[in-house]
Amino acid sequence: MPRHDASDLACRLGSHAEAVCRHYLSNGRRQGNYWTVGNVHNAPGRSMFVRLRPSPKGRPGKWTDAATGQHGDLLDVIRESLGLVEFKDVADEARAFLAMPLPEPDPRLSLAKSVPVPTGSPEASRRLFAMSQPILGTIVETYLRGRGITTLHGTGSLRFHPRCYYRPDDDGPTETWPAMIAAVTDLDGRLTGAHRTWLAPDGTGKAPIDTPRRAMGDLLGHAVRFGVPGSVMAAGEGIETTLSLRCAMPDMAMAAALSAAHLAAILFPPTLHRLYVIRDNDPAGDGARDTLIERATEAGIEAIVLSPAREDFNEDLCHFGLATLSASIAEQLMRRDRLRYLKRAA
């Protein structure tokens, strides 16, 4: 988009600055001639100020975050609060808000080579995660607690995005839903991808969409990690399944792969001596278990399977409760690990 078009959009948004803030920065409030909010990602707080009226200091719509020194205009607010990557999406969202028609394509640009933004790439994943906020006090916490997962310390790899874009298919209209964003990292802690779980607005379950879970970025061998592994760790398929086991053993490092195939291919930390394989009761889980045990054995790592009574450990946690889940796990752990990680059951 030409620079003057972007400037025109920003000016038009500035003419409706308070309405823009109420829509995209809904956790803030008006204070005099400013809208105050926690940050450009719509976190609660008061460190960010958006000018609502013209003043000698500048035009409406300009904002500054006193805590970080960030500043920008209302196009930046739309981009950051929605987690958009491509500027075309930002402009289309702004036009939709202003009820403006989409621009006619410029025939002079038809032969120009566009440089595509790497949607779904590790860089896009890093941007999405950076645009999100900690989960405590959000509907991600509501969602996890609704699934019996109450051990939430050490979950910095999980974040909340209030309006994460969801595209049903290539031609369908874009929707926005709140989402749990999980960082997928390599063994050095470098973010290589992200996983999105779109949620119902009240956090009582997943969003009513066809595919409420999607991953992006470089995933093979990597995982969503909780804790720093030493000589012992556990690895399973799925974030909720792994977090359910973590409720019983919060001090054991764990890694959540995003599918059975990714679990089978997970990379081993160089310090690892013993791996607990968190199994799901299905054919894909059995295949991942067998492949992972074979790979671990070849690497000189002891592999021990942890099996749920029902379909997975989250179902066990919800159906039986934490005490029964802990007792079941105690029978499957090595004694030294039972004493170290599951003291109540020792």
Protein backbone atom coordinates (compact mmCIF):
# COMPACT_ATOMS: atom_id res chain seq x y z
CA MET A 1 0.00 0.00 0.00
CA PRO A 2 1.38 3.45 -0.86
CA ARG A 3 2.56 5.52 2.08
CA HIS A 4 -0.09 8.22 1.52
CA ASP A 5 -2.88 5.59 1.67
CA ALA A 6 -1.57 4.32 5.00
CA SER A 7 -1.37 7.88 6.30
CA ASP A 8 -4.93 8.53 5.11
CA LEU A 9 -6.19 5.42 6.91
CA ALA A 10 -4.40 6.44 10.11
CA CYS A 11 -5.97 9.92 9.91
CA ARG A 12 -9.43 8.47 9.35
CA LEU A 13 -9.00 6.15 12.32
CA GLY A 14 -7.80 9.11 14.40
CA SER A 15 -11.09 10.87 13.67
CA HIS A 16 -12.77 7.99 15.50
CA ALA A 17 -10.01 7.40 18.03
CA GLU A 18 -12.22 6.65 21.01
CA ALA A 19 -14.36 4.19 19.04
CA VAL A 20 -11.20 2.43 17.81
CA CYS A 21 -9.88 2.20 21.37
CA ARG A 22 -13.16 0.88 22.74
CA HIS A 23 -13.13 -1.84 20.09
CA TYR A 24 -9.47 -2.93 19.96
CA LEU A 25 -8.28 -1.84 23.43
CA SER A 26 -11.37 -2.89 25.36
CA ASN A 27 -9.45 -3.47 28.61
CA GLY A 28 -8.71 0.25 28.88
CA ARG A 29 -10.79 3.31 29.71
CA ARG A 30 -11.04 6.99 28.92
CA GLN A 31 -9.24 9.46 31.18
CA GLY A 32 -9.73 13.02 30.02
CA ASN A 33 -8.36 13.42 26.51
CA TYR A 34 -6.62 10.03 26.57
CA TRP A 35 -7.45 6.34 26.48
CA THR A 36 -5.34 4.41 28.97
CA VAL A 37 -4.60 0.69 28.83
CA GLY A 38 -1.81 -1.69 29.84
CA ASN A 39 -0.18 -2.03 26.44
CA VAL A 40 -0.84 -2.23 22.72
CA HIS A 41 -1.81 -5.91 23.11
CA ASN A 42 -4.86 -4.83 25.18
CA ALA A 43 -3.54 -5.92 28.56
CA PRO A 44 -5.19 -4.32 31.61
CA GLY A 45 -3.23 -1.42 33.08
CA ARG A 46 -2.50 2.27 32.60
CA SER A 47 0.98 2.63 31.10
CA MET A 48 -0.16 3.23 27.50
CA PHE A 49 -1.84 6.52 26.52
CA VAL A 50 -3.76 7.06 23.28
CA ARG A 51 -4.56 10.68 22.37
CA LEU A 52 -8.26 11.08 21.62
CA ARG A 53 -8.36 14.73 20.55
CA PRO A 54 -6.05 17.05 18.60
CA SER A 55 -3.55 18.92 20.76
CA PRO A 56 -0.32 20.89 20.34
CA LYS A 57 1.47 17.60 21.06
CA GLY A 58 0.02 15.83 18.05
CA ARG A 59 -2.99 14.47 16.23
CA PRO A 60 -5.53 12.05 17.71
CA GLY A 61 -4.71 8.37 17.52
CA LYS A 62 -1.04 8.72 18.40
CA TRP A 63 -0.01 6.63 21.40
CA THR A 64 2.93 6.06 23.70
CA ASP A 65 3.63 3.28 26.17
CA ALA A 66 5.41 4.86 29.13
CA ALA A 67 6.63 1.49 30.37
CA THR A 68 8.36 0.36 27.16
CA GLY A 69 8.86 3.56 25.17
CA GLN A 70 6.88 2.12 22.26
CA HIS A 71 4.79 4.53 20.22
CA GLY A 72 2.70 4.48 17.07
CA ASP A 73 -0.68 5.16 15.55
CA LEU A 74 -4.01 3.34 15.41
CA LEU A 75 -2.92 1.12 12.53
CA ASP A 76 -0.28 -0.22 14.90
CA VAL A 77 -2.98 -0.77 17.51
CA ILE A 78 -5.00 -2.86 15.06
CA ARG A 79 -1.94 -4.86 14.00
CA GLU A 80 -0.66 -5.61 17.48
CA SER A 81 -3.99 -6.21 19.22
CA LEU A 82 -5.10 -8.71 16.55
CA GLY A 83 -1.71 -10.30 15.99
CA LEU A 84 -1.65 -9.52 12.27
CA VAL A 85 1.50 -9.97 10.20
CA GLU A 86 0.66 -8.80 6.68
CA PHE A 87 -0.01 -5.08 6.27
CA LYS A 88 -2.78 -5.82 3.76
CA ASP A 89 -4.69 -7.58 6.57
CA VAL A 90 -4.21 -4.52 8.81
CA ALA A 91 -5.49 -2.19 6.10
CA ASP A 92 -8.46 -4.44 5.32
CA GLU A 93 -9.36 -4.60 9.01
CA ALA A 94 -9.13 -0.79 9.28
CA ARG A 95 -11.31 -0.33 6.20
CA ALA A 96 -13.85 -2.79 7.57
CA PHE A 97 -13.97 -0.88 10.86
CA LEU A 98 -14.42 2.41 9.01
CA ALA A 99 -16.91 0.77 6.58
CA MET A 100 -14.77 1.91 3.65
CA PRO A 101 -14.71 0.06 0.33
CA LEU A 102 -11.63 -1.96 -0.52
CA PRO A 103 -9.32 -0.21 -2.99
CA GLU A 104 -9.30 -1.13 -6.66
CA PRO A 105 -6.15 -3.04 -7.63
CA ASP A 106 -3.49 -0.87 -9.26
CA PRO A 107 -2.78 -2.34 -12.72
CA ARG A 108 0.74 -0.89 -12.58
CA LEU A 109 1.52 -3.29 -9.75
CA SER A 110 0.31 -6.42 -11.55
CA LEU A 111 3.75 -7.18 -12.94
CA ALA A 112 5.65 -6.31 -9.81
CA LYS A 113 7.07 -9.16 -7.83
CA SER A 114 5.68 -9.20 -4.33
CA VAL A 115 7.78 -10.40 -1.48
CA PRO A 116 5.46 -12.64 0.56
CA VAL A 117 5.45 -12.35 4.31
CA PRO A 118 6.30 -15.82 5.60
CA THR A 119 2.88 -16.63 7.05
CA GLY A 120 3.13 -19.73 9.23
CA SER A 121 6.91 -19.39 9.50
CA PRO A 122 9.01 -19.41 12.68
CA GLU A 123 9.26 -15.62 12.43
CA ALA A 124 5.48 -15.28 12.22
CA SER A 125 5.26 -17.60 15.23
CA ARG A 126 7.66 -15.43 17.21
CA ARG A 127 5.64 -12.31 16.39
CA LEU A 128 2.38 -13.95 17.41
CA PHE A 129 3.83 -15.11 20.73
CA ALA A 130 5.33 -11.67 21.40
CA MET A 131 1.93 -10.08 20.78
CA SER A 132 0.27 -12.28 23.39
CA GLN A 133 0.10 -11.90 27.17
CA PRO A 134 0.60 -14.13 30.23
CA ILE A 135 -2.28 -16.51 30.91
CA LEU A 136 -2.98 -15.82 34.58
CA GLY A 137 -6.26 -14.01 35.01
CA THR A 138 -7.32 -14.68 31.41
CA ILE A 139 -9.77 -17.12 29.87
CA VAL A 140 -6.85 -19.47 29.14
CA GLU A 141 -6.62 -20.00 32.90
CA THR A 142 -10.41 -20.52 32.98
CA TYR A 143 -10.14 -23.07 30.16
CA LEU A 144 -7.31 -25.04 31.78
CA ARG A 145 -8.90 -25.06 35.23
CA GLY A 146 -12.11 -26.27 33.60
CA ARG A 147 -10.11 -29.29 32.45
CA GLY A 148 -8.83 -29.94 35.97
CA ILE A 149 -5.40 -28.38 35.35
CA THR A 150 -4.62 -26.21 38.37
CA THR A 151 -0.81 -26.34 38.49
CA LEU A 152 -0.07 -23.27 36.40
CA HIS A 153 3.24 -21.99 37.75
CA GLY A 154 6.08 -22.46 35.30
CA THR A 155 3.80 -22.20 32.28
CA GLY A 156 5.56 -19.27 30.64
CA SER A 157 5.46 -21.16 27.35
CA LEU A 158 1.70 -20.50 27.25
CA ARG A 159 0.11 -17.13 26.49
CA PHE A 160 -3.25 -15.57 25.72
CA HIS A 161 -4.27 -13.65 22.62
CA PRO A 162 -7.69 -11.97 22.88
CA ARG A 163 -8.39 -11.74 19.12
CA CYS A 164 -6.37 -14.32 17.20
CA TYR A 165 -7.14 -14.62 13.51
CA TYR A 166 -8.76 -17.84 12.28
CA ARG A 167 -9.28 -18.61 8.61
CA PRO A 168 -11.71 -21.51 8.05
CA ASP A 169 -10.28 -22.21 4.58
CA ASP A 170 -8.44 -20.42 1.81
CA ASP A 171 -11.57 -18.68 0.54
CA GLY A 172 -13.56 -18.29 3.77
CA PRO A 173 -13.90 -15.04 5.71
CA THR A 174 -11.41 -14.37 8.47
CA GLU A 175 -12.73 -14.66 12.01
CA THR A 176 -11.22 -13.62 15.35
CA TRP A 177 -11.42 -15.72 18.50
CA PRO A 178 -9.56 -15.67 21.79
CA ALA A 179 -6.78 -18.24 21.80
CA MET A 180 -4.20 -20.03 23.90
CA ILE A 181 -0.82 -19.55 22.21
CA ALA A 182 1.90 -22.09 23.01
CA ALA A 183 5.56 -21.55 22.16
CA VAL A 184 7.24 -24.45 20.38
CA THR A 185 10.97 -24.38 21.14
CA ASP A 186 14.12 -26.31 20.34
CA LEU A 187 16.52 -27.76 22.89
CA ASP A 188 18.23 -24.36 23.30
CA GLY A 189 14.94 -22.63 24.09
CA ARG A 190 14.72 -20.87 20.72
CA LEU A 191 11.15 -20.41 19.54
CA THR A 192 10.65 -22.29 16.27
CA GLY A 193 6.85 -22.40 16.06
CA ALA A 194 3.56 -21.76 17.81
CA HIS A 195 0.40 -23.69 18.54
CA ARG A 196 -3.00 -22.02 18.67
CA THR A 197 -6.04 -23.33 20.56
CA TRP A 198 -9.00 -21.09 19.80
CA LEU A 199 -11.36 -20.77 22.76
CA ALA A 200 -14.95 -19.85 23.48
CA PRO A 201 -15.18 -16.21 24.65
CA ASP A 202 -15.95 -17.27 28.23
CA GLY A 203 -13.19 -19.90 28.36
CA THR A 204 -15.59 -22.77 29.01
CA GLY A 205 -14.23 -24.80 26.10
CA LYS A 206 -12.83 -24.58 22.62
CA ALA A 207 -14.28 -22.20 20.05
CA PRO A 208 -17.14 -23.64 17.94
CA ILE A 209 -15.06 -23.85 14.76
CA ASP A 210 -14.02 -26.73 12.54
CA THR A 211 -10.35 -26.88 13.53
CA PRO A 212 -9.86 -25.21 16.94
CA ARG A 213 -6.21 -26.34 17.07
CA ARG A 214 -3.52 -25.40 14.57
CA ALA A 215 0.25 -25.26 14.63
CA MET A 216 2.65 -23.12 12.63
CA GLY A 217 6.40 -22.88 12.16
CA ASP A 218 9.17 -25.47 12.37
CA LEU A 219 7.76 -28.27 14.55
CA LEU A 220 9.62 -31.51 13.85
CA GLY A 221 11.73 -32.54 16.82
CA HIS A 222 10.56 -29.59 18.89
CA ALA A 223 7.92 -29.22 21.62
CA VAL A 224 6.07 -26.99 24.06
CA ARG A 225 8.30 -27.18 27.15
CA PHE A 226 7.63 -26.89 30.87
CA GLY A 227 10.71 -26.76 33.07
CA VAL A 228 14.38 -27.31 32.21
CA PRO A 229 15.28 -30.99 31.73
CA GLY A 230 18.18 -32.55 33.57
CA SER A 231 18.71 -36.29 33.68
CA VAL A 232 14.96 -37.06 33.83
CA MET A 233 12.01 -35.71 31.86
CA ALA A 234 8.62 -36.74 30.50
CA ALA A 235 7.26 -36.24 27.01
CA GLY A 236 3.71 -36.63 25.75
CA GLU A 237 1.33 -35.81 22.96
CA GLY A 238 -0.78 -32.72 23.55
CA ILE A 239 -0.57 -29.74 25.87
CA GLU A 240 -3.50 -30.62 28.14
CA THR A 241 -2.39 -34.26 28.50
CA THR A 242 1.12 -33.22 29.51
CA LEU A 243 -0.12 -30.49 31.87
CA SER A 244 -2.41 -33.04 33.54
CA LEU A 245 0.55 -35.26 34.43
CA ARG A 246 2.44 -32.17 35.54
CA CYS A 247 -0.27 -31.51 38.15
CA ALA A 248 0.94 -34.68 39.89
CA MET A 249 4.67 -34.05 39.26
CA PRO A 250 5.17 -30.28 39.00
CA ASP A 251 8.95 -30.50 39.48
CA MET A 252 9.62 -32.90 36.60
CA ALA A 253 10.53 -31.22 33.32
CA MET A 254 8.03 -32.09 30.59
CA ALA A 255 7.66 -31.57 26.87
CA ALA A 256 4.40 -31.59 24.93
CA ALA A 257 4.60 -32.61 21.29
CA LEU A 258 1.74 -31.50 19.05
CA SER A 259 0.92 -34.87 17.46
CA ALA A 260 1.82 -38.53 17.76
CA ALA A 261 4.23 -38.17 14.83
CA HIS A 262 5.94 -35.21 16.48
CA LEU A 263 6.18 -37.10 19.76
CA ALA A 264 7.92 -39.97 18.00
CA ALA A 265 10.46 -37.52 16.53
CA ILE A 266 11.12 -35.39 19.61
CA LEU A 267 14.79 -34.53 20.17
CA PHE A 268 16.57 -35.59 23.37
CA PRO A 269 18.48 -33.14 25.61
CA PRO A 270 22.15 -34.12 25.92
CA THR A 271 21.80 -34.46 29.72
CA LEU A 272 18.90 -36.94 29.53
CA HIS A 273 19.32 -40.38 31.10
CA ARG A 274 15.70 -41.40 31.62
CA LEU A 275 12.61 -40.53 29.61
CA TYR A 276 9.03 -41.11 30.70
CA VAL A 277 6.83 -41.53 27.64
CA ILE A 278 3.32 -40.19 28.31
CA ARG A 279 1.12 -42.53 26.29
CA ASP A 280 -2.35 -42.05 24.85
CA ASN A 281 -4.62 -45.11 24.61
CA ASP A 282 -5.01 -45.21 20.83
CA PRO A 283 -3.18 -46.75 17.86
CA ALA A 284 -1.33 -43.52 17.05
CA GLY A 285 -0.19 -43.32 20.68
CA ASP A 286 1.08 -46.89 20.55
CA GLY A 287 3.05 -46.16 17.39
CA ALA A 288 4.62 -43.02 18.88
CA ARG A 289 5.48 -44.96 22.04
CA ASP A 290 7.24 -47.74 20.16
CA THR A 291 9.22 -45.38 17.93
CA LEU A 292 10.25 -43.15 20.82
CA ILE A 293 11.35 -46.09 22.96
CA GLU A 294 13.43 -47.44 20.08
CA ARG A 295 15.10 -44.07 19.48
CA ALA A 296 15.75 -43.52 23.17
CA THR A 297 17.27 -46.98 23.60
CA GLU A 298 19.58 -46.42 20.64
CA ALA A 299 20.69 -43.14 22.27
CA GLY A 300 21.45 -44.91 25.56
CA ILE A 301 18.43 -43.37 27.33
CA GLU A 302 16.19 -45.46 29.55
CA ALA A 303 12.57 -45.17 28.41
CA ILE A 304 9.60 -45.92 30.67
CA VAL A 305 5.97 -45.74 29.55
CA LEU A 306 3.28 -44.02 31.63
CA SER A 307 -0.18 -45.26 30.64
CA PRO A 308 -3.56 -43.71 31.54
CA ALA A 309 -6.55 -45.73 32.68
CA ARG A 310 -8.85 -44.03 30.16
CA GLU A 311 -8.06 -42.42 26.80
CA ASP A 312 -5.45 -39.96 28.10
CA PHE A 313 -4.21 -38.44 31.35
CA ASN A 314 -6.46 -35.39 31.10
CA GLU A 315 -9.47 -37.67 30.96
CA ASP A 316 -8.07 -39.53 34.00
CA LEU A 317 -7.59 -36.25 35.87
CA CYS A 318 -11.11 -35.01 35.10
CA HIS A 319 -12.80 -38.35 35.80
CA PHE A 320 -10.86 -39.69 38.80
CA GLY A 321 -9.28 -36.58 40.36
CA LEU A 322 -5.68 -35.74 41.19
CA ALA A 323 -5.25 -38.12 44.14
CA THR A 324 -6.23 -41.19 42.11
CA LEU A 325 -4.14 -40.01 39.15
CA SER A 326 -1.11 -39.58 41.41
CA ALA A 327 -1.56 -43.06 42.88
CA SER A 328 -1.76 -44.55 39.40
CA ILE A 329 1.40 -42.77 38.30
CA ALA A 330 3.24 -43.82 41.46
CA GLU A 331 2.92 -47.46 40.48
CA GLN A 332 4.59 -46.75 37.13
CA LEU A 333 7.52 -44.59 38.25
CA MET A 334 10.92 -45.82 39.30
CA ARG A 335 11.21 -45.66 43.09
CA ARG A 336 13.89 -42.96 43.06
CA ASP A 337 11.70 -40.77 40.85
CA ARG A 338 8.64 -41.49 42.95
CA LEU A 339 10.52 -40.23 46.01
CA ARG A 340 11.85 -37.20 44.18
CA TYR A 341 8.88 -36.08 42.11
CA LEU A 342 5.82 -37.67 43.70
CA LYS A 343 6.54 -37.36 47.40
CA ARG A 344 2.93 -37.72 48.57
CA ALA A 345 2.66 -41.15 46.97
CA ALA A 346 6.00 -42.42 48.26
